[in-house]
Amino acid sequence: MIREKERSAVSGLLALALLLPLLVVFGYGLVVNAREHAALAVVAFALLIAADVVCLAGLFVVNPNEAKVLQLFGGYVGTVKTPGLRWANPFYSKRRISQRVRNFESQHLKVNDNEGNPIEIAAVVVWRVVETAEACFEVDNYENYVHVQSESALRNLATSYPYDSHEESRTSLRGQTAAVAEHLKTEIQDRLTKAGVEVIEARISHLAYAPEIAAAMLQRQQAGAIIAARSRIVEGAVGMVEMALEMLSRKEIVHLDEERKATMVSNLLVVLCGERGAQPVLNTGSLYQ
């Protein structure tokens, strides 16, 4: 694996201050010798001017949060990151690599979740290049590599969790967004490390059931929510009945036999679990009449 080597480059202003006066001097010498018909001197000054122009081609600009990868005849020389006007060997090829923070949103992917339900999912990935040599030489096109691998990681994530879950201990795509986002970021980072890319953030931007099952899954989701709510209501109601019987017994407000306790439990459960408000009924007799 090719690792990044940061390289310092000569100040471009210093190179200009040296090369431009030389170009003027060589041009003046060429004109003077051409008037005197000194052929050898003319050729020498022409070659010097050509060499000076070639040296001027070594000037390049490095912008903030940008790097220039230098190569000499196919070999990696180093990376210049210091911003400003710089000068290096004019025979170096210089490839610009942006190190600014970038983001993209994946396409709406149609995949199956952990329970086999078809869903549509998309994500926003925030990333930047941190290793310029790996970005240039380890992958063919690092931008396309980021897009393809991010979508692949998103597909794998979608198959790892159910769309929704009413169990608090079970992670779902819709319920635990922070945990899912962290998992997605880790999985994308594992795939992009070889390209010299750092993933800053990854979050799901779109999540929905596929259109062909959306209506059916909505009914299923509503039914599941009703069952979960009913289970919680019954659990709470039983606790309240148990507490009421315990307090009545402890404070000796009334002594209840088993049949009266059963009647009281039945009435309290009807009141607590009913969908409508209970209608009071006045009993003028006793339980046994």
Protein backbone atom coordinates (compact mmCIF):
# COMPACT_ATOMS: atom_id res chain seq x y z
CA MET A 1 0.00 0.00 0.00
CA ILE A 2 1.35 3.43 -0.96
CA ARG A 3 1.38 5.80 2.02
CA GLU A 4 1.28 9.57 1.83
CA LYS A 5 4.60 11.45 2.03
CA GLU A 6 4.18 15.15 2.71
CA ARG A 7 6.72 17.17 0.74
CA SER A 8 7.74 20.80 1.05
CA ALA A 9 8.00 22.89 -2.14
CA VAL A 10 9.97 26.04 -2.91
CA SER A 11 8.09 29.30 -2.60
CA GLY A 12 6.72 30.30 -5.99
CA LEU A 13 7.37 33.99 -5.34
CA LEU A 14 11.05 33.28 -4.76
CA ALA A 15 11.19 31.25 -7.96
CA LEU A 16 9.52 34.06 -9.89
CA ALA A 17 11.91 36.62 -8.45
CA LEU A 18 14.78 34.53 -9.82
CA LEU A 19 13.41 33.24 -13.12
CA LEU A 20 11.80 36.41 -14.50
CA PRO A 21 14.95 38.58 -14.29
CA LEU A 22 16.93 35.74 -15.86
CA LEU A 23 14.41 35.60 -18.68
CA VAL A 24 14.88 39.34 -19.30
CA VAL A 25 18.68 39.01 -19.24
CA PHE A 26 18.66 36.03 -21.62
CA GLY A 27 16.28 37.82 -23.97
CA TYR A 28 18.49 40.91 -24.01
CA GLY A 29 21.56 38.77 -24.72
CA LEU A 30 19.74 37.01 -27.55
CA VAL A 31 18.82 40.33 -29.21
CA VAL A 32 22.31 41.80 -28.84
CA ASN A 33 24.06 38.72 -30.26
CA ALA A 34 21.53 38.44 -33.08
CA ARG A 35 22.47 41.99 -34.18
CA GLU A 36 26.14 41.07 -34.08
CA HIS A 37 25.48 37.84 -36.02
CA ALA A 38 27.08 35.70 -33.32
CA ALA A 39 25.46 32.40 -34.21
CA LEU A 40 26.80 30.33 -31.32
CA ALA A 41 25.86 32.95 -28.74
CA VAL A 42 22.37 33.24 -30.24
CA VAL A 43 21.88 29.47 -29.98
CA ALA A 44 23.17 29.46 -26.39
CA PHE A 45 20.86 32.28 -25.31
CA ALA A 46 17.91 30.63 -27.09
CA LEU A 47 18.55 27.42 -25.16
CA LEU A 48 18.82 29.38 -21.91
CA ILE A 49 15.50 31.10 -22.62
CA ALA A 50 13.87 27.73 -23.36
CA ALA A 51 15.26 26.30 -20.12
CA ASP A 52 13.98 29.34 -18.19
CA VAL A 53 10.49 28.93 -19.70
CA VAL A 54 10.52 25.24 -18.81
CA CYS A 55 11.44 26.14 -15.24
CA LEU A 56 8.54 28.60 -15.11
CA ALA A 57 6.25 25.66 -15.91
CA GLY A 58 7.15 24.28 -12.46
CA LEU A 59 5.02 26.96 -10.78
CA PHE A 60 1.69 25.78 -9.34
CA VAL A 61 -0.91 26.99 -6.87
CA VAL A 62 -2.11 25.08 -3.82
CA ASN A 63 -5.45 26.30 -2.45
CA PRO A 64 -6.53 25.97 1.21
CA ASN A 65 -7.76 22.44 2.07
CA GLU A 66 -6.22 21.16 -1.14
CA ALA A 67 -3.21 18.99 -1.95
CA LYS A 68 -1.09 18.42 -5.03
CA VAL A 69 0.18 14.89 -5.60
CA LEU A 70 3.56 14.97 -7.39
CA GLN A 71 4.72 12.20 -9.74
CA LEU A 72 7.86 11.84 -11.83
CA PHE A 73 7.54 9.49 -14.80
CA GLY A 74 4.92 7.41 -12.99
CA GLY A 75 6.68 7.29 -9.62
CA TYR A 76 5.13 8.87 -6.54
CA VAL A 77 7.32 11.72 -5.23
CA GLY A 78 5.22 13.29 -2.48
CA THR A 79 2.26 15.50 -1.64
CA VAL A 80 2.38 19.28 -1.21
CA LYS A 81 -0.24 20.65 1.20
CA THR A 82 1.16 24.11 2.05
CA PRO A 83 -1.19 26.67 0.43
CA GLY A 84 0.11 29.41 -1.83
CA LEU A 85 2.21 29.76 -4.98
CA ARG A 86 4.77 26.93 -5.07
CA TRP A 87 7.53 25.69 -7.38
CA ALA A 88 8.71 22.16 -7.99
CA ASN A 89 10.50 20.23 -10.69
CA PRO A 90 8.74 21.18 -13.96
CA PHE A 91 8.80 17.52 -15.03
CA TYR A 92 6.62 16.55 -12.08
CA SER A 93 3.02 15.84 -12.93
CA LYS A 94 0.73 17.52 -10.40
CA ARG A 95 -2.68 16.07 -9.57
CA ARG A 96 -5.11 18.14 -7.54
CA ILE A 97 -6.85 16.40 -4.63
CA SER A 98 -9.47 18.29 -2.63
CA GLN A 99 -9.41 17.70 1.12
CA ARG A 100 -12.54 19.70 1.79
CA VAL A 101 -15.54 18.16 3.51
CA ARG A 102 -18.00 16.77 0.97
CA ASN A 103 -21.33 15.01 1.20
CA PHE A 104 -23.68 13.12 -1.05
CA GLU A 105 -27.08 11.47 -0.75
CA SER A 106 -27.42 7.95 -2.04
CA GLN A 107 -30.21 6.83 -4.32
CA HIS A 108 -33.42 5.45 -2.85
CA LEU A 109 -32.48 1.79 -2.61
CA LYS A 110 -35.10 -0.96 -2.53
CA VAL A 111 -33.97 -3.76 -0.21
CA ASN A 112 -35.42 -6.27 2.26
CA ASP A 113 -35.12 -5.62 5.97
CA ASN A 114 -34.20 -8.23 8.58
CA GLU A 115 -37.75 -9.66 8.50
CA GLY A 116 -37.89 -9.86 4.70
CA ASN A 117 -40.12 -6.82 4.18
CA PRO A 118 -39.25 -4.71 1.11
CA ILE A 119 -38.32 -1.17 2.12
CA GLU A 120 -36.92 1.97 0.50
CA ILE A 121 -33.86 3.49 2.17
CA ALA A 122 -31.37 6.27 1.45
CA ALA A 123 -28.54 7.88 3.41
CA VAL A 124 -26.46 11.05 3.54
CA VAL A 125 -22.70 10.51 3.91
CA VAL A 126 -20.28 13.31 4.91
CA TRP A 127 -16.65 12.55 4.04
CA ARG A 128 -13.24 13.94 3.11
CA VAL A 129 -9.89 12.70 1.82
CA VAL A 130 -7.18 12.38 4.49
CA GLU A 131 -4.62 10.18 2.67
CA THR A 132 -3.99 11.62 -0.79
CA ALA A 133 -1.63 8.85 -1.96
CA GLU A 134 -4.15 6.11 -1.18
CA ALA A 135 -6.94 8.10 -2.85
CA CYS A 136 -4.84 8.43 -6.02
CA PHE A 137 -3.16 5.05 -6.31
CA GLU A 138 -5.13 2.45 -4.32
CA VAL A 139 -8.46 2.92 -6.13
CA ASP A 140 -9.26 3.86 -9.71
CA ASN A 141 -11.70 6.70 -8.98
CA TYR A 142 -12.03 7.50 -5.30
CA GLU A 143 -15.22 9.57 -5.66
CA ASN A 144 -17.04 6.77 -7.47
CA TYR A 145 -15.56 4.30 -4.98
CA VAL A 146 -17.06 6.29 -2.09
CA HIS A 147 -20.51 6.29 -3.71
CA VAL A 148 -20.56 2.60 -4.61
CA GLN A 149 -19.20 1.36 -1.29
CA SER A 150 -21.51 3.62 0.72
CA GLU A 151 -24.56 2.23 -1.06
CA SER A 152 -23.27 -1.31 -0.56
CA ALA A 153 -22.84 -0.66 3.18
CA LEU A 154 -26.34 0.83 3.32
CA ARG A 155 -27.83 -2.30 1.72
CA ASN A 156 -26.03 -4.49 4.22
CA LEU A 157 -27.24 -2.32 7.10
CA ALA A 158 -30.87 -2.54 5.96
CA THR A 159 -30.75 -6.34 6.06
CA SER A 160 -29.35 -6.30 9.61
CA TYR A 161 -32.34 -4.67 11.34
CA PRO A 162 -36.13 -4.79 11.09
CA TYR A 163 -37.95 -1.71 9.88
CA ASP A 164 -39.79 -1.35 13.18
CA SER A 165 -39.97 -3.17 16.51
CA HIS A 166 -42.20 -2.75 19.54
CA GLU A 167 -39.63 -4.41 21.79
CA GLU A 168 -37.44 -1.84 23.50
CA SER A 169 -34.50 -4.24 23.69
CA ARG A 170 -34.45 -4.82 19.91
CA THR A 171 -32.83 -2.27 17.61
CA SER A 172 -34.85 -1.19 14.58
CA LEU A 173 -34.21 1.15 11.66
CA ARG A 174 -37.02 3.49 12.63
CA GLY A 175 -36.76 3.27 16.41
CA GLN A 176 -33.05 3.60 17.27
CA THR A 177 -31.79 6.11 14.69
CA ALA A 178 -28.64 7.08 16.63
CA ALA A 179 -27.43 3.48 17.01
CA VAL A 180 -28.23 2.70 13.38
CA ALA A 181 -26.39 5.84 12.20
CA GLU A 182 -23.30 4.87 14.22
CA HIS A 183 -23.39 1.35 12.76
CA LEU A 184 -23.71 2.77 9.24
CA LYS A 185 -20.79 5.16 9.78
CA THR A 186 -18.56 2.34 11.09
CA GLU A 187 -19.43 0.02 8.20
CA ILE A 188 -18.80 2.68 5.55
CA GLN A 189 -15.52 3.68 7.20
CA ASP A 190 -14.30 0.06 7.16
CA ARG A 191 -14.88 -0.03 3.41
CA LEU A 192 -13.33 3.36 2.61
CA THR A 193 -10.17 3.21 4.71
CA LYS A 194 -8.18 1.71 1.82
CA ALA A 195 -9.12 4.74 -0.31
CA GLY A 196 -7.73 7.22 2.24
CA VAL A 197 -11.19 8.58 3.06
CA GLU A 198 -12.51 9.58 6.49
CA VAL A 199 -16.27 9.31 7.10
CA ILE A 200 -17.36 12.21 9.30
CA GLU A 201 -21.07 11.38 9.50
CA ALA A 202 -23.55 8.97 7.97
CA ARG A 203 -27.30 9.11 8.58
CA ILE A 204 -30.44 7.66 7.04
CA SER A 205 -32.27 10.37 5.10
CA HIS A 206 -35.20 8.33 3.74
CA LEU A 207 -36.92 5.27 5.16
CA ALA A 208 -40.27 3.84 4.08
CA TYR A 209 -41.98 0.60 3.19
CA ALA A 210 -42.04 -0.23 -0.51
CA PRO A 211 -45.23 1.10 -2.19
CA GLU A 212 -46.62 -2.37 -2.96
CA ILE A 213 -46.82 -3.32 0.72
CA ALA A 214 -47.10 0.11 2.34
CA ALA A 215 -50.86 -0.15 3.05
CA ALA A 216 -50.67 -3.70 4.41
CA MET A 217 -47.64 -2.91 6.56
CA LEU A 218 -49.37 0.18 7.91
CA GLN A 219 -52.26 -1.99 9.10
CA ARG A 220 -49.79 -4.46 10.58
CA GLN A 221 -47.92 -1.65 12.28
CA GLN A 222 -51.13 -0.24 13.71
CA ALA A 223 -52.18 -3.69 14.94
CA GLY A 224 -48.80 -4.22 16.53
CA ALA A 225 -49.01 -0.82 18.22
CA ILE A 226 -52.49 -1.64 19.56
CA ILE A 227 -51.30 -4.99 20.93
CA ALA A 228 -48.28 -3.37 22.54
CA ALA A 229 -50.46 -0.63 24.08
CA ARG A 230 -53.01 -3.17 25.34
CA SER A 231 -50.26 -5.24 26.91
CA ARG A 232 -48.98 -2.17 28.73
CA ILE A 233 -52.51 -1.22 29.85
CA VAL A 234 -53.23 -4.71 31.19
CA GLU A 235 -49.89 -4.82 32.98
CA GLY A 236 -50.59 -1.48 34.61
CA ALA A 237 -54.17 -2.39 35.48
CA VAL A 238 -53.12 -5.62 37.21
CA GLY A 239 -50.57 -3.68 39.22
CA MET A 240 -53.16 -1.11 40.27
CA VAL A 241 -55.65 -3.83 41.30
CA GLU A 242 -52.96 -5.60 43.30
CA MET A 243 -52.03 -2.34 45.02
CA ALA A 244 -55.69 -1.54 45.81
CA LEU A 245 -56.32 -4.95 47.39
CA GLU A 246 -53.10 -4.73 49.38
CA MET A 247 -53.95 -1.27 50.75
CA LEU A 248 -57.50 -2.31 51.68
CA SER A 249 -56.17 -5.31 53.52
CA ARG A 250 -53.36 -3.42 55.25
CA LYS A 251 -55.54 -0.54 56.46
CA GLU A 252 -58.39 -2.93 57.37
CA ILE A 253 -60.95 -0.73 55.66
CA VAL A 254 -63.05 -3.68 54.62
CA HIS A 255 -62.72 -7.45 54.87
CA LEU A 256 -63.25 -9.20 51.54
CA ASP A 257 -63.75 -12.88 50.97
CA GLU A 258 -62.52 -14.56 47.76
CA GLU A 259 -65.78 -14.03 45.89
CA ARG A 260 -65.90 -10.31 46.72
CA LYS A 261 -62.25 -9.96 45.74
CA ALA A 262 -63.00 -11.61 42.39
CA THR A 263 -65.91 -9.22 41.81
CA MET A 264 -63.79 -6.21 42.73
CA VAL A 265 -60.95 -7.34 40.45
CA SER A 266 -63.39 -7.83 37.58
CA ASN A 267 -64.93 -4.36 38.05
CA LEU A 268 -61.55 -2.62 38.34
CA LEU A 269 -60.20 -4.33 35.23
CA VAL A 270 -63.29 -3.31 33.25
CA VAL A 271 -62.84 0.29 34.40
CA LEU A 272 -59.09 0.41 33.76
CA CYS A 273 -58.93 -1.54 30.49
CA GLY A 274 -62.14 -0.37 28.83
CA GLU A 275 -61.97 1.89 25.79
CA ARG A 276 -64.86 4.02 27.04
CA GLY A 277 -65.52 5.67 30.35
CA ALA A 278 -67.24 3.41 32.90
CA GLN A 279 -70.93 4.07 33.68
CA PRO A 280 -71.57 4.04 37.45
CA VAL A 281 -74.19 1.58 38.71
CA LEU A 282 -75.69 1.98 42.19
CA ASN A 283 -76.13 -1.32 43.99
CA THR A 284 -79.01 -1.12 46.55
CA GLY A 285 -78.63 -4.69 47.66
CA SER A 286 -75.72 -6.89 48.49
CA LEU A 287 -73.57 -9.23 46.50
CA TYR A 288 -75.61 -12.25 47.64
CA GLN A 289 -79.10 -10.82 46.91
